[in-house]
Protein backbone atom coordinates (compact mmCIF):
# COMPACT_ATOMS: atom_id res chain seq x y z
CA UNK A 1 0.00 0.00 0.00
CA UNK A 2 1.26 3.43 -0.92
CA UNK A 3 1.36 6.09 1.76
CA UNK A 4 2.52 9.65 2.12
CA UNK A 5 3.20 11.97 5.04
CA UNK A 6 2.00 15.58 5.08
CA UNK A 7 2.93 18.36 7.48
CA UNK A 8 0.25 20.33 9.28
CA UNK A 9 -0.21 23.84 7.90
CA UNK A 10 -0.77 26.75 10.28
CA UNK A 11 -3.90 28.74 9.42
CA UNK A 12 -4.52 31.66 11.77
CA UNK A 13 -1.92 30.10 14.12
CA UNK A 14 -3.82 26.78 14.25
CA UNK A 15 -2.19 23.69 12.72
CA UNK A 16 -4.58 22.10 10.21
CA UNK A 17 -4.38 18.97 8.01
CA UNK A 18 -4.28 20.39 4.46
CA UNK A 19 -3.19 18.34 1.44
CA UNK A 20 -2.33 19.20 -2.16
CA UNK A 21 -4.88 17.75 -4.55
CA UNK A 22 -5.29 17.62 -8.32
CA UNK A 23 -8.80 17.23 -9.71
CA UNK A 24 -9.60 16.07 -13.26
CA UNK A 25 -12.82 16.25 -15.26
CA UNK A 26 -12.54 15.45 -18.97
CA UNK A 27 -9.96 17.95 -20.29
CA UNK A 28 -10.08 20.16 -17.19
CA UNK A 29 -7.46 20.04 -14.44
CA UNK A 30 -7.16 22.12 -11.30
CA UNK A 31 -4.66 22.08 -8.47
CA UNK A 32 -5.89 23.03 -5.03
CA UNK A 33 -5.36 22.53 -1.34
CA UNK A 34 -7.96 20.54 0.60
CA UNK A 35 -8.76 20.29 4.29
CA UNK A 36 -8.88 16.69 5.58
CA UNK A 37 -11.93 17.04 7.85
CA UNK A 38 -12.97 14.09 10.02
CA UNK A 39 -16.02 16.08 11.15
CA UNK A 40 -17.42 16.54 7.64
CA UNK A 41 -19.87 13.90 6.49
CA UNK A 42 -19.01 14.42 2.81
CA UNK A 43 -16.42 15.84 0.44
CA UNK A 44 -17.38 19.41 -0.48
CA UNK A 45 -16.33 21.20 -3.66
CA UNK A 46 -16.72 25.01 -3.62
CA UNK A 47 -18.78 26.47 -6.47
CA UNK A 48 -15.94 28.16 -8.40
CA UNK A 49 -13.80 25.02 -8.43
CA UNK A 50 -16.69 23.13 -10.04
CA UNK A 51 -16.95 25.81 -12.73
CA UNK A 52 -13.16 25.62 -13.25
CA UNK A 53 -13.56 21.86 -13.81
CA UNK A 54 -16.12 22.47 -16.58
CA UNK A 55 -19.28 21.57 -14.66
CA UNK A 56 -22.49 23.51 -15.32
CA UNK A 57 -24.71 24.37 -12.36
CA UNK A 58 -28.27 23.05 -12.61
CA UNK A 59 -30.66 23.93 -9.76
CA UNK A 60 -32.81 20.89 -10.57
CA UNK A 61 -29.88 18.59 -9.73
CA UNK A 62 -29.06 20.30 -6.41
CA UNK A 63 -30.43 17.65 -4.09
CA UNK A 64 -27.93 17.52 -1.21
CA UNK A 65 -28.53 19.92 1.72
CA UNK A 66 -25.25 21.07 3.25
CA UNK A 67 -25.08 22.37 6.80
CA UNK A 68 -22.36 23.87 8.94
CA UNK A 69 -20.47 26.84 7.52
CA UNK A 70 -21.58 26.03 3.95
CA UNK A 71 -25.39 25.98 4.51
CA UNK A 72 -26.42 25.56 0.89
CA UNK A 73 -27.65 23.00 -1.63
CA UNK A 74 -25.22 20.86 -3.59
CA UNK A 75 -25.05 18.64 -6.65
CA UNK A 76 -23.44 15.19 -6.34
CA UNK A 77 -20.54 14.80 -8.78
CA UNK A 78 -17.73 12.30 -9.35
CA UNK A 79 -14.22 13.61 -9.95
CA UNK A 80 -10.86 11.92 -10.55
CA UNK A 81 -8.48 13.05 -7.81
CA UNK A 82 -4.82 12.70 -6.95
CA UNK A 83 -3.77 13.38 -3.36
CA UNK A 84 -0.10 14.33 -3.20
CA UNK A 85 1.83 11.61 -5.05
CA UNK A 86 -0.66 8.79 -4.43
CA UNK A 87 -2.47 6.99 -7.25
CA UNK A 88 -5.61 8.58 -8.76
CA UNK A 89 -9.04 7.67 -7.34
CA UNK A 90 -12.63 8.62 -8.13
CA UNK A 91 -14.14 10.71 -5.33
CA UNK A 92 -17.75 11.78 -4.86
CA UNK A 93 -18.20 15.46 -4.01
CA UNK A 94 -21.10 17.62 -2.99
CA UNK A 95 -20.62 20.58 -5.34
CA UNK A 96 -21.82 23.53 -3.30
CA UNK A 97 -23.85 26.44 -4.64
CA UNK A 98 -21.73 28.62 -2.33
CA UNK A 99 -18.10 29.47 -2.90
CA UNK A 100 -17.04 29.10 0.69
CA UNK A 101 -13.53 27.68 0.92
CA UNK A 102 -11.89 25.38 1.61
CA UNK A 103 -12.22 22.29 -0.51
CA UNK A 104 -13.15 19.65 2.08
CA UNK A 105 -12.33 15.94 2.16
CA UNK A 106 -14.81 14.18 4.46
CA UNK A 107 -16.21 10.83 5.51
CA UNK A 108 -17.98 10.14 2.19
CA UNK A 109 -15.93 9.09 0.47
CA UNK A 110 -12.38 10.27 1.19
CA UNK A 111 -12.13 8.20 4.36
CA UNK A 112 -13.48 5.19 2.48
CA UNK A 113 -10.69 5.41 -0.10
CA UNK A 114 -7.86 6.25 2.30
CA UNK A 115 -6.66 5.40 5.78
CA UNK A 116 -5.62 8.58 7.60
CA UNK A 117 -3.56 8.72 10.79
CA UNK A 118 -3.07 12.02 12.58
CA UNK A 119 0.06 12.77 14.61
CA UNK A 120 -0.56 16.40 15.46
CA UNK A 121 1.88 16.31 18.38
CA UNK A 122 4.59 15.36 15.86
CA UNK A 123 3.40 17.90 13.28
CA UNK A 124 2.30 15.52 10.53
CA UNK A 125 -0.43 13.17 9.33
CA UNK A 126 -0.20 10.18 7.04
CA UNK A 127 -2.50 9.07 4.22
CA UNK A 128 -2.43 5.47 3.02
CA UNK A 129 -4.21 4.24 -0.11
CA UNK A 130 -6.46 1.22 0.51
C-alpha atoms as a PDB file:
ATOM      1  CA  UNK A   1       0.000   0.000   0.000  1.00  0.00           C
ATOM      2  CA  UNK A   2       1.261   3.434  -0.918  1.00  0.00           C
ATOM      3  CA  UNK A   3       1.362   6.095   1.761  1.00  0.00           C
ATOM      4  CA  UNK A   4       2.524   9.652   2.124  1.00  0.00           C
ATOM      5  CA  UNK A   5       3.199  11.974   5.041  1.00  0.00           C
ATOM      6  CA  UNK A   6       1.997  15.579   5.079  1.00  0.00           C
ATOM      7  CA  UNK A   7       2.928  18.363   7.476  1.00  0.00           C
ATOM      8  CA  UNK A   8       0.253  20.327   9.278  1.00  0.00           C
ATOM      9  CA  UNK A   9      -0.213  23.838   7.897  1.00  0.00           C
ATOM     10  CA  UNK A  10      -0.771  26.748  10.282  1.00  0.00           C
ATOM     11  CA  UNK A  11      -3.897  28.741   9.420  1.00  0.00           C
ATOM     12  CA  UNK A  12      -4.523  31.657  11.769  1.00  0.00           C
ATOM     13  CA  UNK A  13      -1.920  30.095  14.119  1.00  0.00           C
ATOM     14  CA  UNK A  14      -3.817  26.783  14.251  1.00  0.00           C
ATOM     15  CA  UNK A  15      -2.186  23.688  12.721  1.00  0.00           C
ATOM     16  CA  UNK A  16      -4.584  22.103  10.209  1.00  0.00           C
ATOM     17  CA  UNK A  17      -4.377  18.972   8.011  1.00  0.00           C
ATOM     18  CA  UNK A  18      -4.276  20.389   4.465  1.00  0.00           C
ATOM     19  CA  UNK A  19      -3.186  18.341   1.439  1.00  0.00           C
ATOM     20  CA  UNK A  20      -2.326  19.202  -2.162  1.00  0.00           C
ATOM     21  CA  UNK A  21      -4.881  17.749  -4.554  1.00  0.00           C
ATOM     22  CA  UNK A  22      -5.285  17.621  -8.318  1.00  0.00           C
ATOM     23  CA  UNK A  23      -8.801  17.227  -9.708  1.00  0.00           C
ATOM     24  CA  UNK A  24      -9.598  16.071 -13.260  1.00  0.00           C
ATOM     25  CA  UNK A  25     -12.823  16.251 -15.260  1.00  0.00           C
ATOM     26  CA  UNK A  26     -12.541  15.450 -18.971  1.00  0.00           C
ATOM     27  CA  UNK A  27      -9.963  17.955 -20.292  1.00  0.00           C
ATOM     28  CA  UNK A  28     -10.081  20.164 -17.194  1.00  0.00           C
ATOM     29  CA  UNK A  29      -7.456  20.035 -14.438  1.00  0.00           C
ATOM     30  CA  UNK A  30      -7.159  22.120 -11.297  1.00  0.00           C
ATOM     31  CA  UNK A  31      -4.663  22.081  -8.466  1.00  0.00           C
ATOM     32  CA  UNK A  32      -5.892  23.030  -5.032  1.00  0.00           C
ATOM     33  CA  UNK A  33      -5.361  22.531  -1.337  1.00  0.00           C
ATOM     34  CA  UNK A  34      -7.955  20.539   0.600  1.00  0.00           C
ATOM     35  CA  UNK A  35      -8.759  20.285   4.292  1.00  0.00           C
ATOM     36  CA  UNK A  36      -8.880  16.689   5.580  1.00  0.00           C
ATOM     37  CA  UNK A  37     -11.928  17.036   7.849  1.00  0.00           C
ATOM     38  CA  UNK A  38     -12.973  14.087  10.023  1.00  0.00           C
ATOM     39  CA  UNK A  39     -16.024  16.077  11.147  1.00  0.00           C
ATOM     40  CA  UNK A  40     -17.418  16.545   7.641  1.00  0.00           C
ATOM     41  CA  UNK A  41     -19.870  13.901   6.491  1.00  0.00           C
ATOM     42  CA  UNK A  42     -19.008  14.417   2.811  1.00  0.00           C
ATOM     43  CA  UNK A  43     -16.420  15.844   0.443  1.00  0.00           C
ATOM     44  CA  UNK A  44     -17.381  19.414  -0.479  1.00  0.00           C
ATOM     45  CA  UNK A  45     -16.325  21.201  -3.663  1.00  0.00           C
ATOM     46  CA  UNK A  46     -16.723  25.013  -3.618  1.00  0.00           C
ATOM     47  CA  UNK A  47     -18.784  26.474  -6.473  1.00  0.00           C
ATOM     48  CA  UNK A  48     -15.943  28.155  -8.401  1.00  0.00           C
ATOM     49  CA  UNK A  49     -13.796  25.022  -8.433  1.00  0.00           C
ATOM     50  CA  UNK A  50     -16.686  23.130 -10.043  1.00  0.00           C
ATOM     51  CA  UNK A  51     -16.953  25.814 -12.726  1.00  0.00           C
ATOM     52  CA  UNK A  52     -13.164  25.625 -13.248  1.00  0.00           C
ATOM     53  CA  UNK A  53     -13.564  21.863 -13.808  1.00  0.00           C
ATOM     54  CA  UNK A  54     -16.115  22.467 -16.577  1.00  0.00           C
ATOM     55  CA  UNK A  55     -19.276  21.572 -14.656  1.00  0.00           C
ATOM     56  CA  UNK A  56     -22.489  23.512 -15.322  1.00  0.00           C
ATOM     57  CA  UNK A  57     -24.711  24.375 -12.358  1.00  0.00           C
ATOM     58  CA  UNK A  58     -28.270  23.053 -12.608  1.00  0.00           C
ATOM     59  CA  UNK A  59     -30.660  23.925  -9.761  1.00  0.00           C
ATOM     60  CA  UNK A  60     -32.808  20.890 -10.569  1.00  0.00           C
ATOM     61  CA  UNK A  61     -29.875  18.586  -9.727  1.00  0.00           C
ATOM     62  CA  UNK A  62     -29.065  20.302  -6.408  1.00  0.00           C
ATOM     63  CA  UNK A  63     -30.427  17.646  -4.089  1.00  0.00           C
ATOM     64  CA  UNK A  64     -27.927  17.521  -1.209  1.00  0.00           C
ATOM     65  CA  UNK A  65     -28.527  19.915   1.717  1.00  0.00           C
ATOM     66  CA  UNK A  66     -25.251  21.074   3.249  1.00  0.00           C
ATOM     67  CA  UNK A  67     -25.079  22.369   6.800  1.00  0.00           C
ATOM     68  CA  UNK A  68     -22.361  23.874   8.936  1.00  0.00           C
ATOM     69  CA  UNK A  69     -20.473  26.844   7.515  1.00  0.00           C
ATOM     70  CA  UNK A  70     -21.583  26.033   3.953  1.00  0.00           C
ATOM     71  CA  UNK A  71     -25.388  25.983   4.512  1.00  0.00           C
ATOM     72  CA  UNK A  72     -26.420  25.555   0.888  1.00  0.00           C
ATOM     73  CA  UNK A  73     -27.655  22.998  -1.627  1.00  0.00           C
ATOM     74  CA  UNK A  74     -25.216  20.855  -3.587  1.00  0.00           C
ATOM     75  CA  UNK A  75     -25.047  18.645  -6.653  1.00  0.00           C
ATOM     76  CA  UNK A  76     -23.439  15.185  -6.340  1.00  0.00           C
ATOM     77  CA  UNK A  77     -20.538  14.798  -8.781  1.00  0.00           C
ATOM     78  CA  UNK A  78     -17.735  12.302  -9.346  1.00  0.00           C
ATOM     79  CA  UNK A  79     -14.218  13.605  -9.953  1.00  0.00           C
ATOM     80  CA  UNK A  80     -10.861  11.924 -10.546  1.00  0.00           C
ATOM     81  CA  UNK A  81      -8.482  13.045  -7.811  1.00  0.00           C
ATOM     82  CA  UNK A  82      -4.821  12.695  -6.947  1.00  0.00           C
ATOM     83  CA  UNK A  83      -3.765  13.381  -3.362  1.00  0.00           C
ATOM     84  CA  UNK A  84      -0.095  14.335  -3.202  1.00  0.00           C
ATOM     85  CA  UNK A  85       1.829  11.611  -5.046  1.00  0.00           C
ATOM     86  CA  UNK A  86      -0.659   8.789  -4.430  1.00  0.00           C
ATOM     87  CA  UNK A  87      -2.474   6.988  -7.253  1.00  0.00           C
ATOM     88  CA  UNK A  88      -5.614   8.577  -8.762  1.00  0.00           C
ATOM     89  CA  UNK A  89      -9.038   7.672  -7.345  1.00  0.00           C
ATOM     90  CA  UNK A  90     -12.625   8.625  -8.128  1.00  0.00           C
ATOM     91  CA  UNK A  91     -14.141  10.708  -5.329  1.00  0.00           C
ATOM     92  CA  UNK A  92     -17.750  11.783  -4.865  1.00  0.00           C
ATOM     93  CA  UNK A  93     -18.196  15.465  -4.014  1.00  0.00           C
ATOM     94  CA  UNK A  94     -21.102  17.620  -2.989  1.00  0.00           C
ATOM     95  CA  UNK A  95     -20.616  20.582  -5.336  1.00  0.00           C
ATOM     96  CA  UNK A  96     -21.824  23.535  -3.304  1.00  0.00           C
ATOM     97  CA  UNK A  97     -23.851  26.442  -4.643  1.00  0.00           C
ATOM     98  CA  UNK A  98     -21.725  28.619  -2.326  1.00  0.00           C
ATOM     99  CA  UNK A  99     -18.101  29.471  -2.902  1.00  0.00           C
ATOM    100  CA  UNK A 100     -17.035  29.099   0.690  1.00  0.00           C
ATOM    101  CA  UNK A 101     -13.525  27.683   0.923  1.00  0.00           C
ATOM    102  CA  UNK A 102     -11.889  25.381   1.607  1.00  0.00           C
ATOM    103  CA  UNK A 103     -12.216  22.293  -0.510  1.00  0.00           C
ATOM    104  CA  UNK A 104     -13.153  19.646   2.078  1.00  0.00           C
ATOM    105  CA  UNK A 105     -12.329  15.944   2.164  1.00  0.00           C
ATOM    106  CA  UNK A 106     -14.815  14.179   4.456  1.00  0.00           C
ATOM    107  CA  UNK A 107     -16.212  10.833   5.513  1.00  0.00           C
ATOM    108  CA  UNK A 108     -17.981  10.135   2.187  1.00  0.00           C
ATOM    109  CA  UNK A 109     -15.927   9.086   0.467  1.00  0.00           C
ATOM    110  CA  UNK A 110     -12.384  10.273   1.187  1.00  0.00           C
ATOM    111  CA  UNK A 111     -12.128   8.201   4.364  1.00  0.00           C
ATOM    112  CA  UNK A 112     -13.483   5.186   2.477  1.00  0.00           C
ATOM    113  CA  UNK A 113     -10.691   5.413  -0.100  1.00  0.00           C
ATOM    114  CA  UNK A 114      -7.861   6.255   2.300  1.00  0.00           C
ATOM    115  CA  UNK A 115      -6.664   5.403   5.785  1.00  0.00           C
ATOM    116  CA  UNK A 116      -5.622   8.582   7.599  1.00  0.00           C
ATOM    117  CA  UNK A 117      -3.558   8.718  10.793  1.00  0.00           C
ATOM    118  CA  UNK A 118      -3.074  12.024  12.582  1.00  0.00           C
ATOM    119  CA  UNK A 119       0.058  12.772  14.614  1.00  0.00           C
ATOM    120  CA  UNK A 120      -0.557  16.399  15.460  1.00  0.00           C
ATOM    121  CA  UNK A 121       1.877  16.313  18.382  1.00  0.00           C
ATOM    122  CA  UNK A 122       4.585  15.358  15.858  1.00  0.00           C
ATOM    123  CA  UNK A 123       3.399  17.899  13.276  1.00  0.00           C
ATOM    124  CA  UNK A 124       2.300  15.519  10.528  1.00  0.00           C
ATOM    125  CA  UNK A 125      -0.432  13.169   9.328  1.00  0.00           C
ATOM    126  CA  UNK A 126      -0.203  10.182   7.044  1.00  0.00           C
ATOM    127  CA  UNK A 127      -2.496   9.074   4.223  1.00  0.00           C
ATOM    128  CA  UNK A 128      -2.433   5.466   3.018  1.00  0.00           C
ATOM    129  CA  UNK A 129      -4.212   4.236  -0.109  1.00  0.00           C
ATOM    130  CA  UNK A 130      -6.463   1.217   0.512  1.00  0.00           C
END
